[in-house]
Amino acid sequence: MEESAKSSLLSKLALANRPRLRMLGLAITIAATAFLLWQGDEPPLSSYSDARQLRGESEPDGFVINGSYTSYDENGQRKIVFTSPRIEQFEEGNLAAMESPSAELFGATGEGPWLLNAENGTLRQNDDLLYISGNVRVVRTIGEREATLNTESLTLDNKQGMVYTDDPVKITDTLGTTQAKGMKAWIDERILELNSQVEGRYETVK
């Protein structure tokens, strides 16, 4: 009799607890389903963080990794080629910002290009103006003679085929060193004009 009573009591307790068990099971199922749906709709946190890091803090409208830009004249000849490990595009002002830009400027004479390097660059595409800054270095070769120009900023007017700056410049070649405040240069004509405070030191060729 005691065994029968115990069995009956356990059966009643199990029946009483079944709704709770069913509710617990349903809650677990809903939670698991919601978790799976959330995982399907949203990218993993690491991917989202990687994407934000790749886009950058400036939040450009678009960007290119290891980008290259080439401009041609009316005859189809190259005028400028520049490359950058990262180019960011901003629709407002139609601007392109570049990291560590490197450019080749081609003149109409067919001689070797002028080579430009800098830490930063901004291209105003509407005006076809390229502004570079930070340890700007320009290398120009005429025959066997090579000259290097160093300054802190430089603007390239692609329409006019000229480069200019108001910052101090230092020009070094095989004959000596020239320093000045500001300069203008015409690529096609291969003419360089120094603005003011021109000082030079030259070695006599033996």
N, C-alpha and C. Protein backbone atom coordinates (compact mmCIF):
# COMPACT_ATOMS: atom_id res chain seq x y z
N MET A 1 0.84 -1.20 0.00
CA MET A 1 0.00 0.00 0.00
C MET A 1 0.87 1.25 0.00
N GLU A 2 1.95 1.17 0.79
CA GLU A 2 2.82 2.35 0.85
C GLU A 2 3.45 2.63 -0.50
N GLU A 3 3.90 1.58 -1.16
CA GLU A 3 4.51 1.73 -2.50
C GLU A 3 3.52 2.34 -3.46
N SER A 4 2.28 1.89 -3.44
CA SER A 4 1.23 2.39 -4.34
C SER A 4 0.95 3.85 -4.06
N ALA A 5 0.93 4.23 -2.80
CA ALA A 5 0.66 5.63 -2.44
C ALA A 5 1.77 6.54 -2.92
N LYS A 6 3.03 6.07 -2.73
CA LYS A 6 4.17 6.86 -3.20
C LYS A 6 4.13 7.06 -4.70
N SER A 7 3.84 5.99 -5.44
CA SER A 7 3.77 6.05 -6.90
C SER A 7 2.69 7.01 -7.35
N SER A 8 1.54 6.97 -6.69
CA SER A 8 0.43 7.88 -7.03
C SER A 8 0.83 9.32 -6.77
N LEU A 9 1.52 9.55 -5.64
CA LEU A 9 1.93 10.91 -5.29
C LEU A 9 2.94 11.45 -6.30
N LEU A 10 3.89 10.65 -6.73
CA LEU A 10 4.88 11.07 -7.73
C LEU A 10 4.22 11.39 -9.06
N SER A 11 3.23 10.60 -9.45
CA SER A 11 2.51 10.84 -10.71
C SER A 11 1.80 12.17 -10.66
N LYS A 12 1.16 12.46 -9.50
CA LYS A 12 0.45 13.74 -9.38
C LYS A 12 1.41 14.92 -9.44
N LEU A 13 2.58 14.77 -8.78
CA LEU A 13 3.58 15.85 -8.81
C LEU A 13 4.10 16.07 -10.23
N ALA A 14 4.34 15.02 -10.97
CA ALA A 14 4.82 15.12 -12.35
C ALA A 14 3.80 15.82 -13.22
N LEU A 15 2.50 15.44 -13.05
CA LEU A 15 1.45 16.09 -13.83
C LEU A 15 1.35 17.58 -13.50
N ALA A 16 1.52 17.87 -12.22
CA ALA A 16 1.44 19.27 -11.80
C ALA A 16 2.58 20.09 -12.38
N ASN A 17 3.75 19.48 -12.55
CA ASN A 17 4.92 20.21 -13.03
C ASN A 17 5.04 20.26 -14.54
N ARG A 18 4.26 19.47 -15.27
CA ARG A 18 4.37 19.43 -16.73
C ARG A 18 4.13 20.79 -17.39
N PRO A 19 3.13 21.56 -17.01
CA PRO A 19 2.96 22.89 -17.64
C PRO A 19 4.19 23.76 -17.46
N ARG A 20 4.81 23.68 -16.27
CA ARG A 20 6.02 24.46 -16.04
C ARG A 20 7.16 23.99 -16.94
N LEU A 21 7.28 22.67 -17.07
CA LEU A 21 8.32 22.12 -17.94
C LEU A 21 8.08 22.53 -19.39
N ARG A 22 6.79 22.48 -19.81
CA ARG A 22 6.46 22.89 -21.19
C ARG A 22 6.79 24.36 -21.41
N MET A 23 6.49 25.23 -20.42
CA MET A 23 6.78 26.65 -20.53
C MET A 23 8.29 26.90 -20.59
N LEU A 24 9.03 26.16 -19.77
CA LEU A 24 10.48 26.29 -19.77
C LEU A 24 11.07 25.87 -21.11
N GLY A 25 10.58 24.76 -21.64
CA GLY A 25 11.05 24.29 -22.95
C GLY A 25 10.71 25.28 -24.05
N LEU A 26 9.50 25.87 -24.00
CA LEU A 26 9.08 26.85 -25.02
C LEU A 26 9.96 28.10 -24.94
N ALA A 27 10.26 28.54 -23.71
CA ALA A 27 11.11 29.74 -23.53
C ALA A 27 12.50 29.51 -24.10
N ILE A 28 13.05 28.32 -23.86
CA ILE A 28 14.39 28.00 -24.38
C ILE A 28 14.37 27.98 -25.91
N THR A 29 13.31 27.40 -26.50
CA THR A 29 13.19 27.35 -27.96
C THR A 29 13.10 28.73 -28.56
N ILE A 30 12.29 29.61 -27.96
CA ILE A 30 12.13 30.99 -28.47
C ILE A 30 13.46 31.74 -28.37
N ALA A 31 14.16 31.58 -27.25
CA ALA A 31 15.44 32.26 -27.09
C ALA A 31 16.46 31.79 -28.12
N ALA A 32 16.50 30.48 -28.36
CA ALA A 32 17.44 29.93 -29.35
C ALA A 32 17.11 30.42 -30.75
N THR A 33 15.80 30.47 -31.09
CA THR A 33 15.38 30.95 -32.42
C THR A 33 15.74 32.42 -32.61
N ALA A 34 15.47 33.23 -31.57
CA ALA A 34 15.80 34.65 -31.66
C ALA A 34 17.29 34.85 -31.84
N PHE A 35 18.09 34.07 -31.13
CA PHE A 35 19.55 34.18 -31.24
C PHE A 35 20.02 33.84 -32.66
N LEU A 36 19.45 32.77 -33.25
CA LEU A 36 19.84 32.37 -34.60
C LEU A 36 19.43 33.41 -35.63
N LEU A 37 18.22 34.00 -35.46
CA LEU A 37 17.77 35.05 -36.39
C LEU A 37 18.66 36.27 -36.28
N TRP A 38 19.03 36.66 -35.07
CA TRP A 38 19.91 37.82 -34.89
C TRP A 38 21.27 37.57 -35.52
N GLN A 39 21.79 36.37 -35.34
CA GLN A 39 23.07 36.03 -35.93
C GLN A 39 23.00 36.06 -37.45
N GLY A 40 21.83 35.70 -38.02
CA GLY A 40 21.69 35.69 -39.48
C GLY A 40 21.58 37.08 -40.07
N ASP A 41 20.96 38.01 -39.33
CA ASP A 41 20.73 39.36 -39.86
C ASP A 41 21.94 40.26 -39.68
N GLU A 42 22.70 40.09 -38.63
CA GLU A 42 23.80 40.99 -38.30
C GLU A 42 25.14 40.31 -38.55
N PRO A 43 26.13 41.05 -39.06
CA PRO A 43 27.46 40.47 -39.24
C PRO A 43 28.12 40.25 -37.89
N PRO A 44 29.07 39.33 -37.81
CA PRO A 44 29.80 39.14 -36.56
C PRO A 44 30.47 40.43 -36.13
N LEU A 45 30.62 40.59 -34.83
CA LEU A 45 31.19 41.83 -34.29
C LEU A 45 32.57 42.10 -34.84
N SER A 46 33.38 41.05 -34.98
CA SER A 46 34.74 41.24 -35.48
C SER A 46 34.74 41.76 -36.91
N SER A 47 33.82 41.24 -37.77
CA SER A 47 33.73 41.69 -39.15
C SER A 47 33.29 43.15 -39.22
N TYR A 48 32.34 43.52 -38.37
CA TYR A 48 31.86 44.90 -38.34
C TYR A 48 32.99 45.85 -37.94
N SER A 49 33.76 45.44 -36.92
CA SER A 49 34.88 46.26 -36.47
C SER A 49 35.94 46.38 -37.55
N ASP A 50 36.22 45.27 -38.24
CA ASP A 50 37.20 45.29 -39.33
C ASP A 50 36.76 46.22 -40.45
N ALA A 51 35.46 46.19 -40.78
CA ALA A 51 34.94 47.05 -41.85
C ALA A 51 35.06 48.52 -41.49
N ARG A 52 34.74 48.87 -40.22
CA ARG A 52 34.86 50.26 -39.78
C ARG A 52 36.30 50.72 -39.79
N GLN A 53 37.19 49.82 -39.37
CA GLN A 53 38.61 50.17 -39.35
C GLN A 53 39.13 50.37 -40.77
N LEU A 54 38.67 49.54 -41.71
CA LEU A 54 39.10 49.66 -43.10
C LEU A 54 38.58 50.96 -43.72
N ARG A 55 37.36 51.34 -43.37
CA ARG A 55 36.78 52.57 -43.92
C ARG A 55 37.49 53.81 -43.40
N GLY A 56 37.91 53.80 -42.13
CA GLY A 56 38.66 54.92 -41.58
C GLY A 56 37.78 55.89 -40.81
N GLU A 57 38.44 56.73 -39.99
CA GLU A 57 37.72 57.66 -39.13
C GLU A 57 37.07 58.81 -39.90
N SER A 58 37.61 59.15 -41.05
CA SER A 58 37.06 60.28 -41.82
C SER A 58 35.75 59.94 -42.50
N GLU A 59 35.36 58.66 -42.53
CA GLU A 59 34.11 58.18 -43.12
C GLU A 59 33.89 58.73 -44.53
N PRO A 60 34.74 58.35 -45.48
CA PRO A 60 34.57 58.82 -46.86
C PRO A 60 33.37 58.16 -47.52
N ASP A 61 32.92 58.74 -48.64
CA ASP A 61 31.82 58.14 -49.40
C ASP A 61 32.29 56.89 -50.13
N GLY A 62 33.58 56.80 -50.35
CA GLY A 62 34.16 55.62 -50.97
C GLY A 62 35.67 55.67 -50.83
N PHE A 63 36.33 54.52 -50.98
CA PHE A 63 37.78 54.51 -50.89
C PHE A 63 38.34 53.39 -51.77
N VAL A 64 39.61 53.59 -52.14
CA VAL A 64 40.30 52.62 -52.99
C VAL A 64 41.63 52.27 -52.33
N ILE A 65 41.96 51.00 -52.30
CA ILE A 65 43.25 50.55 -51.79
C ILE A 65 44.18 50.31 -52.97
N ASN A 66 45.40 50.84 -52.88
CA ASN A 66 46.38 50.72 -53.97
C ASN A 66 45.80 51.26 -55.28
N GLY A 67 45.36 52.51 -55.23
CA GLY A 67 44.72 53.12 -56.39
C GLY A 67 45.70 53.81 -57.32
N SER A 68 45.26 54.01 -58.56
CA SER A 68 46.07 54.68 -59.58
C SER A 68 45.16 55.57 -60.44
N TYR A 69 45.67 56.75 -60.79
CA TYR A 69 44.90 57.70 -61.61
C TYR A 69 45.79 58.19 -62.75
N THR A 70 45.25 58.20 -63.97
CA THR A 70 46.00 58.66 -65.14
C THR A 70 45.20 59.72 -65.89
N SER A 71 45.86 60.83 -66.24
CA SER A 71 45.24 61.90 -67.00
C SER A 71 45.94 62.01 -68.36
N TYR A 72 45.15 62.25 -69.42
CA TYR A 72 45.69 62.32 -70.78
C TYR A 72 45.40 63.70 -71.39
N ASP A 73 46.24 64.11 -72.35
CA ASP A 73 45.98 65.36 -73.06
C ASP A 73 45.06 65.10 -74.24
N GLU A 74 44.80 66.15 -75.04
CA GLU A 74 43.86 66.02 -76.16
C GLU A 74 44.37 65.08 -77.25
N ASN A 75 45.66 64.78 -77.25
CA ASN A 75 46.23 63.86 -78.24
C ASN A 75 46.34 62.43 -77.72
N GLY A 76 45.85 62.21 -76.52
CA GLY A 76 45.90 60.87 -75.95
C GLY A 76 47.21 60.53 -75.29
N GLN A 77 48.08 61.53 -75.09
CA GLN A 77 49.36 61.30 -74.44
C GLN A 77 49.19 61.49 -72.92
N ARG A 78 49.91 60.70 -72.16
CA ARG A 78 49.83 60.83 -70.71
C ARG A 78 50.34 62.19 -70.24
N LYS A 79 49.59 62.80 -69.32
CA LYS A 79 50.02 64.05 -68.70
C LYS A 79 50.47 63.82 -67.27
N ILE A 80 49.72 63.00 -66.54
CA ILE A 80 50.05 62.71 -65.15
C ILE A 80 49.58 61.32 -64.78
N VAL A 81 50.40 60.63 -64.02
CA VAL A 81 50.04 59.34 -63.44
C VAL A 81 50.39 59.40 -61.97
N PHE A 82 49.41 59.18 -61.10
CA PHE A 82 49.75 59.13 -59.69
C PHE A 82 49.14 57.90 -59.03
N THR A 83 49.84 57.41 -58.04
CA THR A 83 49.39 56.22 -57.31
C THR A 83 49.40 56.53 -55.82
N SER A 84 48.62 55.74 -55.07
CA SER A 84 48.54 55.91 -53.63
C SER A 84 48.08 54.59 -53.00
N PRO A 85 48.63 54.24 -51.85
CA PRO A 85 48.17 53.02 -51.18
C PRO A 85 46.74 53.13 -50.68
N ARG A 86 46.22 54.36 -50.51
CA ARG A 86 44.83 54.55 -50.08
C ARG A 86 44.32 55.89 -50.60
N ILE A 87 43.20 55.86 -51.31
CA ILE A 87 42.55 57.06 -51.82
C ILE A 87 41.12 57.09 -51.30
N GLU A 88 40.75 58.19 -50.63
CA GLU A 88 39.39 58.34 -50.11
C GLU A 88 38.63 59.36 -50.96
N GLN A 89 37.40 59.00 -51.34
CA GLN A 89 36.58 59.86 -52.19
C GLN A 89 35.48 60.51 -51.36
N PHE A 90 35.33 61.85 -51.51
CA PHE A 90 34.28 62.60 -50.83
C PHE A 90 33.43 63.30 -51.89
N GLU A 91 32.13 63.00 -51.88
CA GLU A 91 31.23 63.59 -52.89
C GLU A 91 31.15 65.11 -52.74
N GLU A 92 31.12 65.58 -51.49
CA GLU A 92 31.07 67.03 -51.27
C GLU A 92 32.38 67.67 -51.73
N GLY A 93 32.30 68.54 -52.71
CA GLY A 93 33.48 69.17 -53.27
C GLY A 93 34.21 68.32 -54.29
N ASN A 94 33.71 67.09 -54.49
CA ASN A 94 34.34 66.16 -55.45
C ASN A 94 35.84 66.05 -55.19
N LEU A 95 36.18 65.70 -53.94
CA LEU A 95 37.57 65.64 -53.50
C LEU A 95 38.03 64.19 -53.37
N ALA A 96 39.30 64.00 -53.59
CA ALA A 96 39.94 62.71 -53.34
C ALA A 96 41.17 62.96 -52.47
N ALA A 97 41.22 62.32 -51.31
CA ALA A 97 42.35 62.46 -50.39
C ALA A 97 43.24 61.22 -50.50
N MET A 98 44.56 61.43 -50.55
CA MET A 98 45.49 60.33 -50.79
C MET A 98 46.54 60.24 -49.69
N GLU A 99 46.91 59.02 -49.37
CA GLU A 99 48.03 58.78 -48.47
C GLU A 99 49.28 58.50 -49.30
N SER A 100 50.39 59.09 -48.91
CA SER A 100 51.69 58.86 -49.56
C SER A 100 51.59 58.84 -51.09
N PRO A 101 51.08 59.93 -51.69
CA PRO A 101 50.95 59.94 -53.15
C PRO A 101 52.29 59.97 -53.86
N SER A 102 52.32 59.34 -55.00
CA SER A 102 53.50 59.35 -55.86
C SER A 102 53.02 59.66 -57.27
N ALA A 103 53.64 60.63 -57.94
CA ALA A 103 53.15 61.08 -59.24
C ALA A 103 54.27 61.16 -60.27
N GLU A 104 53.90 60.95 -61.52
CA GLU A 104 54.79 61.15 -62.66
C GLU A 104 54.15 62.21 -63.55
N LEU A 105 54.89 63.28 -63.86
CA LEU A 105 54.38 64.36 -64.70
C LEU A 105 55.13 64.33 -66.03
N PHE A 106 54.35 64.22 -67.11
CA PHE A 106 54.95 64.09 -68.44
C PHE A 106 54.81 65.40 -69.20
N GLY A 107 55.91 65.86 -69.80
CA GLY A 107 55.89 67.07 -70.61
C GLY A 107 55.71 66.75 -72.09
N ALA A 108 55.54 67.81 -72.87
CA ALA A 108 55.32 67.63 -74.31
C ALA A 108 56.60 67.28 -75.06
N THR A 109 57.76 67.44 -74.41
CA THR A 109 59.04 67.21 -75.09
C THR A 109 59.36 65.72 -75.26
N GLY A 110 58.66 64.87 -74.52
CA GLY A 110 58.92 63.44 -74.63
C GLY A 110 60.07 62.96 -73.77
N GLU A 111 60.70 63.87 -73.02
CA GLU A 111 61.78 63.47 -72.13
C GLU A 111 61.20 62.79 -70.89
N GLY A 112 62.07 62.31 -70.03
CA GLY A 112 61.62 61.60 -68.84
C GLY A 112 60.70 62.43 -67.98
N PRO A 113 59.81 61.79 -67.22
CA PRO A 113 58.83 62.54 -66.41
C PRO A 113 59.45 63.15 -65.16
N TRP A 114 58.76 64.15 -64.61
CA TRP A 114 59.08 64.67 -63.29
C TRP A 114 58.47 63.69 -62.29
N LEU A 115 59.19 63.37 -61.23
CA LEU A 115 58.72 62.42 -60.23
C LEU A 115 58.42 63.15 -58.93
N LEU A 116 57.21 62.99 -58.40
CA LEU A 116 56.78 63.66 -57.18
C LEU A 116 56.43 62.64 -56.11
N ASN A 117 56.83 62.93 -54.88
CA ASN A 117 56.46 62.11 -53.73
C ASN A 117 56.13 63.01 -52.55
N ALA A 118 55.17 62.60 -51.73
CA ALA A 118 54.79 63.38 -50.55
C ALA A 118 54.10 62.47 -49.54
N GLU A 119 53.81 63.02 -48.36
CA GLU A 119 53.12 62.25 -47.33
C GLU A 119 51.62 62.25 -47.53
N ASN A 120 51.08 63.38 -48.03
CA ASN A 120 49.62 63.51 -48.19
C ASN A 120 49.30 64.21 -49.51
N GLY A 121 48.09 63.98 -50.00
CA GLY A 121 47.67 64.64 -51.23
C GLY A 121 46.16 64.80 -51.28
N THR A 122 45.71 65.87 -51.95
CA THR A 122 44.29 66.11 -52.16
C THR A 122 44.07 66.50 -53.60
N LEU A 123 43.17 65.80 -54.27
CA LEU A 123 42.85 66.09 -55.66
C LEU A 123 41.48 66.74 -55.74
N ARG A 124 41.43 67.98 -56.22
CA ARG A 124 40.16 68.66 -56.48
C ARG A 124 39.80 68.36 -57.92
N GLN A 125 38.93 67.37 -58.10
CA GLN A 125 38.68 66.84 -59.44
C GLN A 125 37.97 67.84 -60.35
N ASN A 126 37.14 68.71 -59.79
CA ASN A 126 36.44 69.69 -60.63
C ASN A 126 37.42 70.67 -61.29
N ASP A 127 38.48 71.02 -60.54
CA ASP A 127 39.47 71.98 -61.04
C ASP A 127 40.72 71.31 -61.56
N ASP A 128 40.82 69.99 -61.42
CA ASP A 128 42.00 69.24 -61.85
C ASP A 128 43.26 69.76 -61.15
N LEU A 129 43.13 70.04 -59.84
CA LEU A 129 44.24 70.53 -59.03
C LEU A 129 44.65 69.46 -58.03
N LEU A 130 45.93 69.17 -57.98
CA LEU A 130 46.48 68.21 -57.02
C LEU A 130 47.35 68.97 -56.03
N TYR A 131 46.99 68.90 -54.75
CA TYR A 131 47.76 69.56 -53.69
C TYR A 131 48.44 68.48 -52.86
N ILE A 132 49.77 68.54 -52.76
CA ILE A 132 50.51 67.56 -51.97
C ILE A 132 51.28 68.29 -50.88
N SER A 133 51.48 67.60 -49.75
CA SER A 133 52.15 68.24 -48.61
C SER A 133 52.88 67.19 -47.78
N GLY A 134 53.84 67.69 -46.98
CA GLY A 134 54.59 66.82 -46.10
C GLY A 134 55.78 66.18 -46.79
N ASN A 135 56.97 66.72 -46.56
CA ASN A 135 58.20 66.17 -47.16
C ASN A 135 58.08 65.95 -48.67
N VAL A 136 57.66 67.01 -49.34
CA VAL A 136 57.49 66.92 -50.80
C VAL A 136 58.86 66.83 -51.48
N ARG A 137 58.97 65.90 -52.40
CA ARG A 137 60.23 65.71 -53.13
C ARG A 137 59.92 65.58 -54.62
N VAL A 138 60.59 66.40 -55.41
CA VAL A 138 60.41 66.38 -56.87
C VAL A 138 61.78 66.10 -57.51
N VAL A 139 61.81 65.11 -58.36
CA VAL A 139 63.05 64.77 -59.07
C VAL A 139 62.83 65.05 -60.55
N ARG A 140 63.75 65.84 -61.13
CA ARG A 140 63.67 66.22 -62.53
C ARG A 140 64.98 65.84 -63.22
N THR A 141 64.90 65.14 -64.34
CA THR A 141 66.08 64.70 -65.06
C THR A 141 66.10 65.31 -66.46
N ILE A 142 67.21 65.94 -66.80
CA ILE A 142 67.42 66.48 -68.15
C ILE A 142 68.72 65.89 -68.66
N GLY A 143 68.63 64.98 -69.59
CA GLY A 143 69.83 64.29 -70.06
C GLY A 143 70.44 63.49 -68.93
N GLU A 144 71.72 63.76 -68.65
CA GLU A 144 72.40 63.06 -67.56
C GLU A 144 72.38 63.87 -66.26
N ARG A 145 71.78 65.04 -66.30
CA ARG A 145 71.74 65.91 -65.13
C ARG A 145 70.43 65.72 -64.37
N GLU A 146 70.54 65.47 -63.06
CA GLU A 146 69.36 65.26 -62.22
C GLU A 146 69.31 66.32 -61.14
N ALA A 147 68.13 66.89 -60.94
CA ALA A 147 67.93 67.89 -59.90
C ALA A 147 66.79 67.44 -58.98
N THR A 148 66.95 67.71 -57.68
CA THR A 148 65.94 67.33 -56.69
C THR A 148 65.46 68.59 -55.97
N LEU A 149 64.14 68.74 -55.90
CA LEU A 149 63.53 69.88 -55.21
C LEU A 149 62.82 69.36 -53.97
N ASN A 150 63.07 70.01 -52.83
CA ASN A 150 62.42 69.66 -51.57
C ASN A 150 61.65 70.85 -51.03
N THR A 151 60.43 70.62 -50.58
CA THR A 151 59.60 71.66 -50.00
C THR A 151 58.54 70.99 -49.14
N GLU A 152 57.68 71.80 -48.50
CA GLU A 152 56.66 71.24 -47.62
C GLU A 152 55.29 71.13 -48.28
N SER A 153 55.06 71.87 -49.34
CA SER A 153 53.77 71.76 -50.04
C SER A 153 53.95 72.16 -51.50
N LEU A 154 53.09 71.61 -52.34
CA LEU A 154 53.19 71.88 -53.77
C LEU A 154 51.81 71.67 -54.40
N THR A 155 51.47 72.56 -55.33
CA THR A 155 50.20 72.42 -56.04
C THR A 155 50.47 72.16 -57.52
N LEU A 156 49.80 71.15 -58.05
CA LEU A 156 49.91 70.82 -59.47
C LEU A 156 48.61 71.24 -60.16
N ASP A 157 48.72 72.17 -61.10
CA ASP A 157 47.59 72.58 -61.93
C ASP A 157 47.68 71.78 -63.22
N ASN A 158 46.89 70.73 -63.31
CA ASN A 158 46.98 69.84 -64.46
C ASN A 158 46.50 70.49 -65.74
N LYS A 159 45.54 71.42 -65.64
CA LYS A 159 45.03 72.11 -66.83
C LYS A 159 46.09 73.05 -67.42
N GLN A 160 46.82 73.74 -66.54
CA GLN A 160 47.83 74.69 -66.99
C GLN A 160 49.19 74.03 -67.20
N GLY A 161 49.34 72.80 -66.74
CA GLY A 161 50.61 72.10 -66.89
C GLY A 161 51.72 72.75 -66.08
N MET A 162 51.40 73.16 -64.83
CA MET A 162 52.40 73.83 -64.01
C MET A 162 52.28 73.38 -62.55
N VAL A 163 53.39 73.57 -61.81
CA VAL A 163 53.40 73.32 -60.37
C VAL A 163 53.91 74.58 -59.69
N TYR A 164 53.44 74.82 -58.45
CA TYR A 164 53.86 76.03 -57.75
C TYR A 164 53.71 75.86 -56.24
N THR A 165 54.42 76.70 -55.50
CA THR A 165 54.33 76.74 -54.04
C THR A 165 54.80 78.10 -53.55
N ASP A 166 54.31 78.50 -52.38
CA ASP A 166 54.78 79.70 -51.70
C ASP A 166 55.72 79.37 -50.56
N ASP A 167 55.91 78.07 -50.28
CA ASP A 167 56.80 77.65 -49.20
C ASP A 167 58.26 77.71 -49.64
N PRO A 168 59.18 77.71 -48.67
CA PRO A 168 60.60 77.65 -49.02
C PRO A 168 60.91 76.37 -49.81
N VAL A 169 61.82 76.51 -50.77
CA VAL A 169 62.23 75.36 -51.59
C VAL A 169 63.75 75.25 -51.56
N LYS A 170 64.21 74.02 -51.73
CA LYS A 170 65.64 73.75 -51.82
C LYS A 170 65.88 72.85 -53.01
N ILE A 171 66.74 73.30 -53.93
CA ILE A 171 67.02 72.55 -55.15
C ILE A 171 68.48 72.11 -55.11
N THR A 172 68.68 70.82 -55.29
CA THR A 172 70.03 70.26 -55.26
C THR A 172 70.29 69.53 -56.56
N ASP A 173 71.44 69.84 -57.20
CA ASP A 173 71.84 69.11 -58.40
C ASP A 173 73.35 68.91 -58.37
N THR A 174 73.90 68.45 -59.47
CA THR A 174 75.34 68.14 -59.51
C THR A 174 76.21 69.39 -59.38
N LEU A 175 75.66 70.57 -59.65
CA LEU A 175 76.44 71.80 -59.61
C LEU A 175 76.41 72.49 -58.25
N GLY A 176 75.39 72.20 -57.42
CA GLY A 176 75.32 72.86 -56.13
C GLY A 176 73.92 72.86 -55.57
N THR A 177 73.65 73.86 -54.70
CA THR A 177 72.36 73.95 -54.01
C THR A 177 71.80 75.36 -54.15
N THR A 178 70.48 75.45 -54.40
CA THR A 178 69.79 76.73 -54.51
C THR A 178 68.61 76.71 -53.56
N GLN A 179 68.43 77.80 -52.81
CA GLN A 179 67.29 77.93 -51.92
C GLN A 179 66.52 79.20 -52.27
N ALA A 180 65.20 79.16 -52.05
CA ALA A 180 64.36 80.31 -52.37
C ALA A 180 63.05 80.22 -51.61
N LYS A 181 62.32 81.33 -51.65
CA LYS A 181 60.98 81.38 -51.05
C LYS A 181 59.96 81.36 -52.17
N GLY A 182 59.35 80.19 -52.38
CA GLY A 182 58.34 80.04 -53.43
C GLY A 182 58.92 79.80 -54.80
N MET A 183 58.14 79.12 -55.66
CA MET A 183 58.59 78.88 -57.03
C MET A 183 57.41 78.50 -57.92
N LYS A 184 57.62 78.62 -59.22
CA LYS A 184 56.67 78.16 -60.24
C LYS A 184 57.47 77.37 -61.27
N ALA A 185 56.85 76.32 -61.81
CA ALA A 185 57.51 75.53 -62.84
C ALA A 185 56.50 75.12 -63.90
N TRP A 186 56.91 75.22 -65.18
CA TRP A 186 56.06 74.83 -66.31
C TRP A 186 56.61 73.51 -66.86
N ILE A 187 55.78 72.48 -66.82
CA ILE A 187 56.24 71.13 -67.13
C ILE A 187 56.62 70.98 -68.60
N ASP A 188 55.76 71.42 -69.51
CA ASP A 188 56.03 71.26 -70.94
C ASP A 188 57.30 72.00 -71.36
N GLU A 189 57.44 73.24 -70.87
CA GLU A 189 58.58 74.06 -71.25
C GLU A 189 59.83 73.73 -70.43
N ARG A 190 59.67 72.96 -69.35
CA ARG A 190 60.76 72.62 -68.42
C ARG A 190 61.45 73.89 -67.92
N ILE A 191 60.62 74.85 -67.52
CA ILE A 191 61.11 76.11 -66.98
C ILE A 191 60.80 76.18 -65.49
N LEU A 192 61.78 76.60 -64.71
CA LEU A 192 61.62 76.75 -63.27
C LEU A 192 61.89 78.20 -62.89
N GLU A 193 60.94 78.82 -62.20
CA GLU A 193 61.09 80.23 -61.79
C GLU A 193 61.01 80.33 -60.28
N LEU A 194 62.07 80.90 -59.66
CA LEU A 194 62.10 81.08 -58.22
C LEU A 194 61.56 82.45 -57.86
N ASN A 195 60.75 82.52 -56.81
CA ASN A 195 60.04 83.76 -56.52
C ASN A 195 60.90 84.82 -55.83
N SER A 196 61.47 84.51 -54.67
CA SER A 196 62.20 85.53 -53.92
C SER A 196 63.20 84.88 -52.97
N GLN A 197 64.04 85.74 -52.37
CA GLN A 197 65.05 85.32 -51.39
C GLN A 197 65.91 84.17 -51.94
N VAL A 198 66.36 84.33 -53.15
CA VAL A 198 67.13 83.27 -53.81
C VAL A 198 68.57 83.30 -53.34
N GLU A 199 69.05 82.16 -52.90
CA GLU A 199 70.45 82.00 -52.49
C GLU A 199 70.99 80.73 -53.12
N GLY A 200 72.25 80.80 -53.58
CA GLY A 200 72.83 79.63 -54.22
C GLY A 200 74.26 79.37 -53.81
N ARG A 201 74.62 78.12 -53.82
CA ARG A 201 76.01 77.73 -53.54
C ARG A 201 76.42 76.72 -54.61
N TYR A 202 77.44 77.04 -55.38
CA TYR A 202 77.81 76.21 -56.51
C TYR A 202 79.29 75.83 -56.46
N GLU A 203 79.58 74.66 -56.99
CA GLU A 203 80.94 74.19 -57.06
C GLU A 203 81.45 74.34 -58.48
N THR A 204 82.67 74.76 -58.62
CA THR A 204 83.27 74.94 -59.94
C THR A 204 83.59 73.58 -60.54
N VAL A 205 83.15 73.41 -61.79
CA VAL A 205 83.39 72.14 -62.49
C VAL A 205 84.80 72.15 -63.03
N LYS A 206 85.59 71.16 -62.65
CA LYS A 206 86.99 71.10 -63.11
C LYS A 206 87.10 70.34 -64.41
